[in-house]
Amino acid sequence: MNDLEKDAPGGASDEACDNAASRAPNAASQEAGADVVRDAENEALREELETLKREKEEFRSVALEAKADLYNYRTRTEREREKLRKSIAADKAAAFLPVLDNLDRVLQVSEGSDIASVLKGVSMVREQFLSVILDMGIERVETVGKRFDPVCHEAVSTERVPEEENDGIILEEYLPGYAAEERVLRPARVRVGTYRKE
């Protein structure tokens, strides 16, 4: 056996080293490839993040514009509503000017005037006033003979009645009430009948 044959196991170990050495560049290239993939993924994420930031700023800008538009709309609407309210109030006041004129005429009567004619003048002014509010859609609340309704009536007093069918019926009106469509402007003050079994 020569020295070379004795070194055979060593020769085999050289082969293993060669195999390991040939694998090392392969592993290095795989790691380099993984780094390239990671860099590409990181770059894609950075671009996506930038896109999302831009979109966020655009949405923020749109939201701020919408908020400003809404504020301007509310301000404008409130201003128009106030202008309309004042215009309606002026129109209603204008409807009462002839009533005021006639009341002034009644008050200008001379001292020697007949009291009956003064009362007649005041009564005519009152009728004119009622006519104006009726034209505005304001009506007098019905009372005497009607069933008591706590929405439209305010019971100031009660009176015992002998008939059961008159229980809750309005017997007298102390102060008239007025309503406009569904809204009660002032409830009528009334006396209501109450029935109790003996």
N, C-alpha and C. Protein backbone atom coordinates (compact mmCIF):
# COMPACT_ATOMS: atom_id res chain seq x y z
N MET A 1 0.86 -1.15 0.00
CA MET A 1 0.00 0.00 0.00
C MET A 1 0.90 1.22 0.00
N ASN A 2 0.74 2.12 -0.93
CA ASN A 2 1.58 3.31 -0.97
C ASN A 2 1.00 4.43 -0.15
N ASP A 3 1.74 5.51 -0.08
CA ASP A 3 1.32 6.63 0.77
C ASP A 3 0.03 7.25 0.27
N LEU A 4 -0.20 7.19 -1.04
CA LEU A 4 -1.41 7.77 -1.61
C LEU A 4 -2.64 7.00 -1.17
N GLU A 5 -2.48 5.68 -1.15
CA GLU A 5 -3.62 4.87 -0.75
C GLU A 5 -3.94 5.09 0.70
N LYS A 6 -2.86 5.27 1.51
CA LYS A 6 -3.11 5.54 2.93
C LYS A 6 -3.88 6.86 3.08
N ASP A 7 -3.64 7.78 2.22
CA ASP A 7 -4.30 9.09 2.31
C ASP A 7 -5.67 9.09 1.65
N ALA A 8 -6.19 7.93 1.24
CA ALA A 8 -7.48 7.85 0.55
C ALA A 8 -8.60 8.50 1.35
N PRO A 9 -8.66 8.20 2.64
CA PRO A 9 -9.74 8.88 3.38
C PRO A 9 -9.56 10.38 3.29
N GLY A 10 -8.32 10.84 3.32
CA GLY A 10 -8.09 12.28 3.18
C GLY A 10 -8.54 12.75 1.83
N GLY A 11 -8.41 11.95 0.81
CA GLY A 11 -8.87 12.30 -0.53
C GLY A 11 -10.36 12.42 -0.55
N ALA A 12 -11.00 11.54 0.17
CA ALA A 12 -12.47 11.60 0.24
C ALA A 12 -12.87 12.87 0.93
N SER A 13 -12.13 13.30 1.92
CA SER A 13 -12.47 14.50 2.65
C SER A 13 -12.27 15.71 1.76
N ASP A 14 -11.33 15.66 0.86
CA ASP A 14 -11.15 16.75 -0.09
C ASP A 14 -12.36 16.88 -1.00
N GLU A 15 -12.92 15.75 -1.33
CA GLU A 15 -14.12 15.75 -2.21
C GLU A 15 -15.28 16.41 -1.49
N ALA A 16 -15.41 16.11 -0.19
CA ALA A 16 -16.48 16.71 0.61
C ALA A 16 -16.29 18.21 0.66
N CYS A 17 -15.06 18.65 0.80
CA CYS A 17 -14.76 20.08 0.83
C CYS A 17 -15.12 20.73 -0.50
N ASP A 18 -14.79 20.00 -1.57
CA ASP A 18 -15.11 20.54 -2.88
C ASP A 18 -16.63 20.71 -3.04
N ASN A 19 -17.36 19.68 -2.56
CA ASN A 19 -18.83 19.73 -2.66
C ASN A 19 -19.36 20.91 -1.82
N ALA A 20 -18.82 21.08 -0.63
CA ALA A 20 -19.25 22.18 0.25
C ALA A 20 -18.93 23.51 -0.40
N ALA A 21 -17.76 23.58 -1.00
CA ALA A 21 -17.34 24.83 -1.64
C ALA A 21 -18.24 25.13 -2.82
N SER A 22 -18.68 24.08 -3.53
CA SER A 22 -19.55 24.33 -4.68
C SER A 22 -20.95 24.74 -4.23
N ARG A 23 -21.33 24.29 -3.03
CA ARG A 23 -22.66 24.67 -2.51
C ARG A 23 -22.65 26.09 -1.95
N ALA A 24 -21.55 26.55 -1.41
CA ALA A 24 -21.45 27.86 -0.77
C ALA A 24 -21.85 29.00 -1.72
N PRO A 25 -21.35 29.04 -2.93
CA PRO A 25 -21.79 30.12 -3.82
C PRO A 25 -23.29 30.02 -4.09
N ASN A 26 -23.83 28.79 -4.14
CA ASN A 26 -25.27 28.59 -4.36
C ASN A 26 -26.07 29.24 -3.23
N ALA A 27 -25.65 29.01 -1.97
CA ALA A 27 -26.35 29.58 -0.81
C ALA A 27 -26.22 31.09 -0.83
N ALA A 28 -25.06 31.58 -1.19
CA ALA A 28 -24.85 33.03 -1.24
C ALA A 28 -25.74 33.65 -2.30
N SER A 29 -25.90 32.97 -3.43
CA SER A 29 -26.74 33.53 -4.49
C SER A 29 -28.22 33.47 -4.08
N GLN A 30 -28.60 32.44 -3.31
CA GLN A 30 -29.98 32.35 -2.83
C GLN A 30 -30.27 33.48 -1.85
N GLU A 31 -29.32 33.77 -0.96
CA GLU A 31 -29.51 34.87 0.00
C GLU A 31 -29.57 36.20 -0.73
N ALA A 32 -28.73 36.35 -1.74
CA ALA A 32 -28.75 37.59 -2.53
C ALA A 32 -30.08 37.73 -3.24
N GLY A 33 -30.61 36.60 -3.74
CA GLY A 33 -31.92 36.62 -4.41
C GLY A 33 -33.02 37.00 -3.43
N ALA A 34 -32.95 36.46 -2.21
CA ALA A 34 -33.95 36.79 -1.18
C ALA A 34 -33.88 38.26 -0.83
N ASP A 35 -32.66 38.82 -0.76
CA ASP A 35 -32.50 40.24 -0.47
C ASP A 35 -33.13 41.09 -1.57
N VAL A 36 -32.96 40.68 -2.81
CA VAL A 36 -33.53 41.41 -3.95
C VAL A 36 -35.06 41.39 -3.84
N VAL A 37 -35.61 40.21 -3.49
CA VAL A 37 -37.08 40.09 -3.36
C VAL A 37 -37.57 40.99 -2.23
N ARG A 38 -36.85 40.96 -1.08
CA ARG A 38 -37.25 41.80 0.07
C ARG A 38 -37.18 43.28 -0.29
N ASP A 39 -36.12 43.65 -1.00
CA ASP A 39 -35.99 45.06 -1.40
C ASP A 39 -37.13 45.47 -2.32
N ALA A 40 -37.50 44.57 -3.23
CA ALA A 40 -38.60 44.85 -4.16
C ALA A 40 -39.92 44.99 -3.39
N GLU A 41 -40.13 44.09 -2.41
CA GLU A 41 -41.35 44.15 -1.60
C GLU A 41 -41.37 45.44 -0.78
N ASN A 42 -40.22 45.78 -0.19
CA ASN A 42 -40.14 47.01 0.59
C ASN A 42 -40.42 48.24 -0.27
N GLU A 43 -39.89 48.24 -1.48
CA GLU A 43 -40.11 49.36 -2.40
C GLU A 43 -41.59 49.47 -2.75
N ALA A 44 -42.22 48.30 -3.01
CA ALA A 44 -43.65 48.29 -3.34
C ALA A 44 -44.47 48.81 -2.16
N LEU A 45 -44.11 48.42 -0.94
CA LEU A 45 -44.81 48.89 0.26
C LEU A 45 -44.63 50.40 0.45
N ARG A 46 -43.39 50.89 0.17
CA ARG A 46 -43.14 52.33 0.28
C ARG A 46 -44.01 53.11 -0.72
N GLU A 47 -44.09 52.59 -1.94
CA GLU A 47 -44.91 53.26 -2.96
C GLU A 47 -46.38 53.26 -2.56
N GLU A 48 -46.84 52.10 -2.03
CA GLU A 48 -48.24 52.00 -1.60
C GLU A 48 -48.51 52.97 -0.44
N LEU A 49 -47.55 53.08 0.48
CA LEU A 49 -47.69 54.00 1.60
C LEU A 49 -47.77 55.45 1.12
N GLU A 50 -46.93 55.80 0.15
CA GLU A 50 -46.97 57.15 -0.41
C GLU A 50 -48.30 57.43 -1.09
N THR A 51 -48.80 56.42 -1.82
CA THR A 51 -50.10 56.56 -2.49
C THR A 51 -51.20 56.77 -1.46
N LEU A 52 -51.18 55.98 -0.38
CA LEU A 52 -52.19 56.12 0.67
C LEU A 52 -52.10 57.48 1.36
N LYS A 53 -50.89 57.99 1.54
CA LYS A 53 -50.72 59.31 2.15
C LYS A 53 -51.32 60.39 1.26
N ARG A 54 -51.05 60.27 -0.07
CA ARG A 54 -51.61 61.24 -1.01
C ARG A 54 -53.14 61.20 -0.99
N GLU A 55 -53.69 59.96 -1.00
CA GLU A 55 -55.15 59.81 -0.99
C GLU A 55 -55.73 60.39 0.30
N LYS A 56 -55.06 60.15 1.41
CA LYS A 56 -55.53 60.68 2.70
C LYS A 56 -55.59 62.19 2.66
N GLU A 57 -54.55 62.82 2.11
CA GLU A 57 -54.53 64.28 2.01
C GLU A 57 -55.64 64.79 1.09
N GLU A 58 -55.89 64.04 -0.01
CA GLU A 58 -56.97 64.44 -0.93
C GLU A 58 -58.32 64.36 -0.22
N PHE A 59 -58.56 63.24 0.50
CA PHE A 59 -59.82 63.08 1.23
C PHE A 59 -59.96 64.15 2.31
N ARG A 60 -58.87 64.45 2.98
CA ARG A 60 -58.89 65.48 4.02
C ARG A 60 -59.26 66.83 3.41
N SER A 61 -58.67 67.12 2.27
CA SER A 61 -58.96 68.38 1.58
C SER A 61 -60.43 68.45 1.16
N VAL A 62 -60.94 67.33 0.62
CA VAL A 62 -62.35 67.28 0.21
C VAL A 62 -63.26 67.45 1.43
N ALA A 63 -62.91 66.79 2.55
CA ALA A 63 -63.72 66.88 3.77
C ALA A 63 -63.74 68.32 4.30
N LEU A 64 -62.59 68.99 4.27
CA LEU A 64 -62.53 70.37 4.73
C LEU A 64 -63.36 71.29 3.84
N GLU A 65 -63.31 71.05 2.54
CA GLU A 65 -64.13 71.84 1.61
C GLU A 65 -65.60 71.63 1.87
N ALA A 66 -65.98 70.35 2.08
CA ALA A 66 -67.39 70.03 2.34
C ALA A 66 -67.85 70.68 3.65
N LYS A 67 -67.00 70.66 4.65
CA LYS A 67 -67.33 71.28 5.95
C LYS A 67 -67.54 72.78 5.78
N ALA A 68 -66.66 73.41 5.02
CA ALA A 68 -66.78 74.85 4.77
C ALA A 68 -68.05 75.16 3.99
N ASP A 69 -68.34 74.32 2.97
CA ASP A 69 -69.57 74.51 2.19
C ASP A 69 -70.81 74.38 3.07
N LEU A 70 -70.80 73.38 3.96
CA LEU A 70 -71.93 73.18 4.85
C LEU A 70 -72.11 74.38 5.78
N TYR A 71 -71.01 74.87 6.32
CA TYR A 71 -71.09 76.05 7.21
C TYR A 71 -71.66 77.25 6.45
N ASN A 72 -71.17 77.46 5.22
CA ASN A 72 -71.67 78.58 4.41
C ASN A 72 -73.14 78.41 4.09
N TYR A 73 -73.54 77.16 3.78
CA TYR A 73 -74.95 76.88 3.47
C TYR A 73 -75.84 77.18 4.68
N ARG A 74 -75.39 76.71 5.86
CA ARG A 74 -76.18 76.96 7.08
C ARG A 74 -76.30 78.45 7.36
N THR A 75 -75.19 79.16 7.22
CA THR A 75 -75.20 80.60 7.47
C THR A 75 -76.14 81.31 6.50
N ARG A 76 -76.04 80.94 5.23
CA ARG A 76 -76.88 81.56 4.20
C ARG A 76 -78.36 81.24 4.46
N THR A 77 -78.65 79.97 4.79
CA THR A 77 -80.03 79.55 5.04
C THR A 77 -80.60 80.28 6.24
N GLU A 78 -79.80 80.40 7.30
CA GLU A 78 -80.26 81.10 8.51
C GLU A 78 -80.55 82.56 8.20
N ARG A 79 -79.68 83.18 7.39
CA ARG A 79 -79.88 84.58 7.01
C ARG A 79 -81.17 84.73 6.19
N GLU A 80 -81.38 83.80 5.24
CA GLU A 80 -82.59 83.86 4.41
C GLU A 80 -83.84 83.61 5.25
N ARG A 81 -83.75 82.67 6.21
CA ARG A 81 -84.89 82.38 7.08
C ARG A 81 -85.25 83.60 7.92
N GLU A 82 -84.24 84.27 8.44
CA GLU A 82 -84.48 85.46 9.25
C GLU A 82 -85.10 86.57 8.40
N LYS A 83 -84.61 86.70 7.17
CA LYS A 83 -85.17 87.72 6.26
C LYS A 83 -86.63 87.41 5.94
N LEU A 84 -86.92 86.12 5.70
CA LEU A 84 -88.29 85.71 5.41
C LEU A 84 -89.20 85.95 6.62
N ARG A 85 -88.69 85.62 7.83
CA ARG A 85 -89.47 85.82 9.05
C ARG A 85 -89.83 87.30 9.22
N LYS A 86 -88.85 88.17 8.98
CA LYS A 86 -89.09 89.61 9.12
C LYS A 86 -90.09 90.09 8.06
N SER A 87 -89.98 89.54 6.86
CA SER A 87 -90.90 89.92 5.79
C SER A 87 -92.33 89.51 6.12
N ILE A 88 -92.49 88.28 6.66
CA ILE A 88 -93.82 87.80 7.04
C ILE A 88 -94.37 88.66 8.18
N ALA A 89 -93.52 88.97 9.16
CA ALA A 89 -93.95 89.81 10.28
C ALA A 89 -94.40 91.19 9.78
N ALA A 90 -93.67 91.74 8.82
CA ALA A 90 -94.02 93.05 8.28
C ALA A 90 -95.36 92.98 7.54
N ASP A 91 -95.56 91.89 6.77
CA ASP A 91 -96.85 91.73 6.06
C ASP A 91 -98.00 91.63 7.04
N LYS A 92 -97.80 90.88 8.13
CA LYS A 92 -98.86 90.74 9.13
C LYS A 92 -99.14 92.07 9.82
N ALA A 93 -98.07 92.79 10.14
CA ALA A 93 -98.24 94.09 10.78
C ALA A 93 -98.99 95.05 9.85
N ALA A 94 -98.70 94.98 8.57
CA ALA A 94 -99.38 95.85 7.60
C ALA A 94 -100.88 95.56 7.56
N ALA A 95 -101.27 94.30 7.77
CA ALA A 95 -102.69 93.94 7.78
C ALA A 95 -103.42 94.58 8.95
N PHE A 96 -102.68 94.88 10.04
CA PHE A 96 -103.31 95.48 11.22
C PHE A 96 -103.34 97.01 11.19
N LEU A 97 -102.66 97.61 10.23
CA LEU A 97 -102.61 99.08 10.19
C LEU A 97 -104.00 99.72 10.02
N PRO A 98 -104.88 99.19 9.16
CA PRO A 98 -106.23 99.77 9.08
C PRO A 98 -107.01 99.64 10.40
N VAL A 99 -106.77 98.55 11.13
CA VAL A 99 -107.42 98.38 12.44
C VAL A 99 -106.94 99.47 13.39
N LEU A 100 -105.64 99.72 13.38
CA LEU A 100 -105.06 100.77 14.23
C LEU A 100 -105.61 102.14 13.85
N ASP A 101 -105.74 102.39 12.54
CA ASP A 101 -106.29 103.67 12.07
C ASP A 101 -107.70 103.88 12.62
N ASN A 102 -108.52 102.84 12.53
CA ASN A 102 -109.91 102.95 13.01
C ASN A 102 -109.97 103.09 14.53
N LEU A 103 -109.07 102.45 15.23
CA LEU A 103 -109.02 102.60 16.68
C LEU A 103 -108.64 104.03 17.05
N ASP A 104 -107.69 104.60 16.31
CA ASP A 104 -107.31 106.00 16.54
C ASP A 104 -108.51 106.93 16.30
N ARG A 105 -109.31 106.64 15.28
CA ARG A 105 -110.49 107.47 14.99
C ARG A 105 -111.49 107.42 16.15
N VAL A 106 -111.67 106.21 16.68
CA VAL A 106 -112.60 106.06 17.81
C VAL A 106 -112.11 106.86 19.00
N LEU A 107 -110.81 106.85 19.24
CA LEU A 107 -110.25 107.56 20.38
C LEU A 107 -110.26 109.08 20.21
N GLN A 108 -110.50 109.57 18.98
CA GLN A 108 -110.52 111.02 18.73
C GLN A 108 -111.91 111.64 18.88
N VAL A 109 -112.82 110.89 19.45
CA VAL A 109 -114.18 111.44 19.62
C VAL A 109 -114.14 112.59 20.62
N SER A 110 -115.05 113.50 20.44
CA SER A 110 -115.10 114.66 21.34
C SER A 110 -115.72 114.25 22.68
N GLU A 111 -115.50 115.08 23.68
CA GLU A 111 -115.97 114.76 25.02
C GLU A 111 -117.48 114.64 25.10
N GLY A 112 -118.17 115.36 24.33
CA GLY A 112 -119.64 115.35 24.40
C GLY A 112 -120.27 114.24 23.58
N SER A 113 -119.48 113.36 22.98
CA SER A 113 -120.03 112.32 22.12
C SER A 113 -120.85 111.32 22.93
N ASP A 114 -121.80 110.75 22.24
CA ASP A 114 -122.68 109.74 22.84
C ASP A 114 -121.88 108.47 23.12
N ILE A 115 -121.98 107.92 24.32
CA ILE A 115 -121.24 106.72 24.71
C ILE A 115 -121.63 105.52 23.85
N ALA A 116 -122.88 105.49 23.42
CA ALA A 116 -123.36 104.37 22.59
C ALA A 116 -122.64 104.36 21.25
N SER A 117 -122.42 105.54 20.67
CA SER A 117 -121.73 105.59 19.38
C SER A 117 -120.25 105.22 19.53
N VAL A 118 -119.64 105.57 20.67
CA VAL A 118 -118.25 105.20 20.93
C VAL A 118 -118.15 103.68 21.05
N LEU A 119 -119.06 103.08 21.80
CA LEU A 119 -119.06 101.62 21.95
C LEU A 119 -119.29 100.93 20.61
N LYS A 120 -120.15 101.52 19.79
CA LYS A 120 -120.39 100.94 18.46
C LYS A 120 -119.11 100.99 17.62
N GLY A 121 -118.38 102.12 17.72
CA GLY A 121 -117.12 102.25 16.99
C GLY A 121 -116.09 101.23 17.45
N VAL A 122 -115.98 101.04 18.78
CA VAL A 122 -115.04 100.06 19.33
C VAL A 122 -115.42 98.66 18.88
N SER A 123 -116.72 98.38 18.88
CA SER A 123 -117.21 97.06 18.44
C SER A 123 -116.85 96.80 16.98
N MET A 124 -116.96 97.84 16.15
CA MET A 124 -116.63 97.70 14.72
C MET A 124 -115.12 97.44 14.55
N VAL A 125 -114.30 98.13 15.35
CA VAL A 125 -112.85 97.91 15.29
C VAL A 125 -112.53 96.48 15.69
N ARG A 126 -113.23 96.00 16.74
CA ARG A 126 -113.01 94.61 17.20
C ARG A 126 -113.36 93.61 16.09
N GLU A 127 -114.46 93.85 15.40
CA GLU A 127 -114.87 92.97 14.29
C GLU A 127 -113.82 92.99 13.16
N GLN A 128 -113.31 94.19 12.90
CA GLN A 128 -112.27 94.31 11.87
C GLN A 128 -111.02 93.54 12.29
N PHE A 129 -110.65 93.66 13.56
CA PHE A 129 -109.49 92.94 14.09
C PHE A 129 -109.69 91.42 13.93
N LEU A 130 -110.87 90.92 14.33
CA LEU A 130 -111.16 89.48 14.19
C LEU A 130 -111.11 89.03 12.73
N SER A 131 -111.58 89.89 11.84
CA SER A 131 -111.55 89.57 10.41
C SER A 131 -110.11 89.41 9.91
N VAL A 132 -109.21 90.29 10.40
CA VAL A 132 -107.81 90.21 9.99
C VAL A 132 -107.18 88.90 10.48
N ILE A 133 -107.42 88.54 11.75
CA ILE A 133 -106.79 87.30 12.24
C ILE A 133 -107.41 86.06 11.60
N LEU A 134 -108.70 86.13 11.24
CA LEU A 134 -109.33 85.00 10.54
C LEU A 134 -108.68 84.81 9.16
N ASP A 135 -108.38 85.94 8.49
CA ASP A 135 -107.69 85.87 7.19
C ASP A 135 -106.30 85.25 7.32
N MET A 136 -105.70 85.36 8.50
CA MET A 136 -104.38 84.78 8.74
C MET A 136 -104.46 83.29 9.10
N GLY A 137 -105.67 82.76 9.18
CA GLY A 137 -105.83 81.34 9.51
C GLY A 137 -105.96 81.07 10.99
N ILE A 138 -106.17 82.13 11.78
CA ILE A 138 -106.34 81.96 13.23
C ILE A 138 -107.83 81.89 13.53
N GLU A 139 -108.24 80.86 14.25
CA GLU A 139 -109.65 80.66 14.57
C GLU A 139 -109.86 80.61 16.07
N ARG A 140 -111.06 80.95 16.45
CA ARG A 140 -111.43 80.90 17.87
C ARG A 140 -111.74 79.44 18.24
N VAL A 141 -111.26 79.02 19.41
CA VAL A 141 -111.51 77.66 19.88
C VAL A 141 -112.96 77.56 20.37
N GLU A 142 -113.68 76.52 19.90
CA GLU A 142 -115.06 76.33 20.33
C GLU A 142 -115.09 75.86 21.78
N THR A 143 -116.07 76.37 22.52
CA THR A 143 -116.09 76.04 23.95
C THR A 143 -117.46 75.57 24.44
N VAL A 144 -118.36 76.48 24.74
CA VAL A 144 -119.62 76.15 25.41
C VAL A 144 -120.39 75.07 24.66
N GLY A 145 -120.72 74.01 25.42
CA GLY A 145 -121.46 72.88 24.84
C GLY A 145 -120.56 71.80 24.27
N LYS A 146 -119.27 72.06 24.19
CA LYS A 146 -118.31 71.09 23.65
C LYS A 146 -117.67 70.30 24.80
N ARG A 147 -117.16 69.12 24.46
CA ARG A 147 -116.48 68.31 25.47
C ARG A 147 -115.12 68.94 25.78
N PHE A 148 -114.74 68.96 27.05
CA PHE A 148 -113.48 69.53 27.49
C PHE A 148 -112.31 68.76 26.88
N ASP A 149 -111.36 69.52 26.29
CA ASP A 149 -110.16 68.94 25.69
C ASP A 149 -108.96 69.69 26.30
N PRO A 150 -108.13 68.99 27.09
CA PRO A 150 -107.02 69.69 27.75
C PRO A 150 -106.02 70.33 26.80
N VAL A 151 -106.04 69.95 25.54
CA VAL A 151 -105.14 70.57 24.56
C VAL A 151 -105.64 71.96 24.20
N CYS A 152 -106.96 72.10 24.06
CA CYS A 152 -107.55 73.37 23.61
C CYS A 152 -108.15 74.20 24.72
N HIS A 153 -108.41 73.57 25.87
CA HIS A 153 -109.10 74.25 26.95
C HIS A 153 -108.31 74.19 28.25
N GLU A 154 -108.51 75.21 29.08
CA GLU A 154 -107.92 75.23 30.42
C GLU A 154 -109.07 75.37 31.41
N ALA A 155 -109.26 74.36 32.25
CA ALA A 155 -110.37 74.38 33.22
C ALA A 155 -109.99 75.29 34.39
N VAL A 156 -110.72 76.39 34.51
CA VAL A 156 -110.48 77.33 35.59
C VAL A 156 -111.33 76.94 36.80
N SER A 157 -112.52 76.40 36.52
CA SER A 157 -113.40 75.96 37.61
C SER A 157 -114.28 74.82 37.10
N THR A 158 -114.93 74.16 38.05
CA THR A 158 -115.88 73.07 37.71
C THR A 158 -117.20 73.33 38.43
N GLU A 159 -118.23 72.70 37.91
CA GLU A 159 -119.56 72.81 38.52
C GLU A 159 -120.23 71.46 38.44
N ARG A 160 -120.82 71.03 39.56
CA ARG A 160 -121.52 69.75 39.56
C ARG A 160 -122.78 69.86 38.71
N VAL A 161 -123.01 68.83 37.91
CA VAL A 161 -124.20 68.79 37.05
C VAL A 161 -125.01 67.54 37.39
N PRO A 162 -126.34 67.64 37.29
CA PRO A 162 -127.18 66.49 37.65
C PRO A 162 -127.23 65.40 36.58
N GLU A 163 -126.92 65.75 35.33
CA GLU A 163 -127.02 64.78 34.23
C GLU A 163 -125.63 64.21 33.92
N GLU A 164 -125.57 62.89 33.78
CA GLU A 164 -124.30 62.21 33.49
C GLU A 164 -123.75 62.61 32.12
N GLU A 165 -124.66 62.87 31.16
CA GLU A 165 -124.20 63.22 29.81
C GLU A 165 -123.51 64.59 29.76
N ASN A 166 -123.68 65.41 30.79
CA ASN A 166 -123.02 66.72 30.84
C ASN A 166 -121.67 66.66 31.57
N ASP A 167 -121.25 65.46 31.97
CA ASP A 167 -119.96 65.32 32.62
C ASP A 167 -118.85 65.60 31.60
N GLY A 168 -117.99 66.57 31.91
CA GLY A 168 -116.90 66.94 31.01
C GLY A 168 -117.31 67.91 29.91
N ILE A 169 -118.53 68.42 29.97
CA ILE A 169 -118.99 69.40 28.97
C ILE A 169 -118.71 70.81 29.49
N ILE A 170 -118.29 71.68 28.59
CA ILE A 170 -117.96 73.06 28.96
C ILE A 170 -119.26 73.85 29.14
N LEU A 171 -119.39 74.48 30.32
CA LEU A 171 -120.60 75.23 30.65
C LEU A 171 -120.46 76.72 30.38
N GLU A 172 -119.25 77.25 30.53
CA GLU A 172 -119.05 78.69 30.36
C GLU A 172 -117.63 78.98 29.92
N GLU A 173 -117.48 80.04 29.12
CA GLU A 173 -116.16 80.47 28.67
C GLU A 173 -115.79 81.76 29.39
N TYR A 174 -114.65 81.76 30.06
CA TYR A 174 -114.17 82.96 30.74
C TYR A 174 -113.27 83.79 29.84
N LEU A 175 -112.44 83.11 29.05
CA LEU A 175 -111.51 83.79 28.15
C LEU A 175 -111.40 82.96 26.87
N PRO A 176 -111.61 83.59 25.71
CA PRO A 176 -111.56 82.80 24.47
C PRO A 176 -110.15 82.28 24.17
N GLY A 177 -110.10 81.15 23.51
CA GLY A 177 -108.84 80.57 23.05
C GLY A 177 -108.74 80.68 21.54
N TYR A 178 -107.51 80.62 21.03
CA TYR A 178 -107.29 80.74 19.59
C TYR A 178 -106.30 79.68 19.11
N ALA A 179 -106.54 79.21 17.90
CA ALA A 179 -105.67 78.18 17.31
C ALA A 179 -105.42 78.51 15.85
N ALA A 180 -104.24 78.10 15.38
CA ALA A 180 -103.88 78.26 13.96
C ALA A 180 -103.56 76.88 13.43
N GLU A 181 -104.43 76.37 12.58
CA GLU A 181 -104.33 75.00 12.05
C GLU A 181 -104.26 74.02 13.20
N GLU A 182 -103.16 73.27 13.34
CA GLU A 182 -103.05 72.26 14.40
C GLU A 182 -102.50 72.83 15.70
N ARG A 183 -102.04 74.06 15.69
CA ARG A 183 -101.35 74.63 16.85
C ARG A 183 -102.28 75.52 17.66
N VAL A 184 -102.33 75.28 18.98
CA VAL A 184 -103.13 76.12 19.87
C VAL A 184 -102.26 77.30 20.30
N LEU A 185 -102.73 78.51 19.97
CA LEU A 185 -101.99 79.72 20.34
C LEU A 185 -102.24 80.08 21.80
N ARG A 186 -103.50 79.88 22.22
CA ARG A 186 -103.86 80.10 23.62
C ARG A 186 -105.08 79.26 23.92
N PRO A 187 -105.01 78.43 24.98
CA PRO A 187 -106.19 77.64 25.32
C PRO A 187 -107.30 78.52 25.90
N ALA A 188 -108.53 78.12 25.67
CA ALA A 188 -109.67 78.86 26.23
C ALA A 188 -109.80 78.52 27.71
N ARG A 189 -110.08 79.54 28.52
CA ARG A 189 -110.31 79.31 29.95
C ARG A 189 -111.81 79.12 30.16
N VAL A 190 -112.14 78.00 30.79
CA VAL A 190 -113.54 77.59 30.83
C VAL A 190 -113.95 77.03 32.19
N ARG A 191 -115.31 76.92 32.37
CA ARG A 191 -115.89 76.21 33.51
C ARG A 191 -116.46 74.91 32.96
N VAL A 192 -116.16 73.81 33.64
CA VAL A 192 -116.51 72.47 33.13
C VAL A 192 -117.48 71.79 34.08
N GLY A 193 -118.47 71.10 33.51
CA GLY A 193 -119.43 70.34 34.31
C GLY A 193 -118.85 69.00 34.76
N THR A 194 -119.13 68.64 36.01
CA THR A 194 -118.70 67.33 36.53
C THR A 194 -119.89 66.62 37.13
N TYR A 195 -120.00 65.36 36.84
CA TYR A 195 -121.10 64.53 37.37
C TYR A 195 -120.56 63.53 38.36
N ARG A 196 -121.23 63.45 39.51
CA ARG A 196 -120.88 62.43 40.50
C ARG A 196 -122.15 61.73 40.90
N LYS A 197 -122.08 60.40 40.95
CA LYS A 197 -123.24 59.62 41.42
C LYS A 197 -123.43 59.85 42.91
N GLU A 198 -124.67 60.07 43.30
CA GLU A 198 -124.97 60.24 44.74
C GLU A 198 -124.94 58.91 45.45
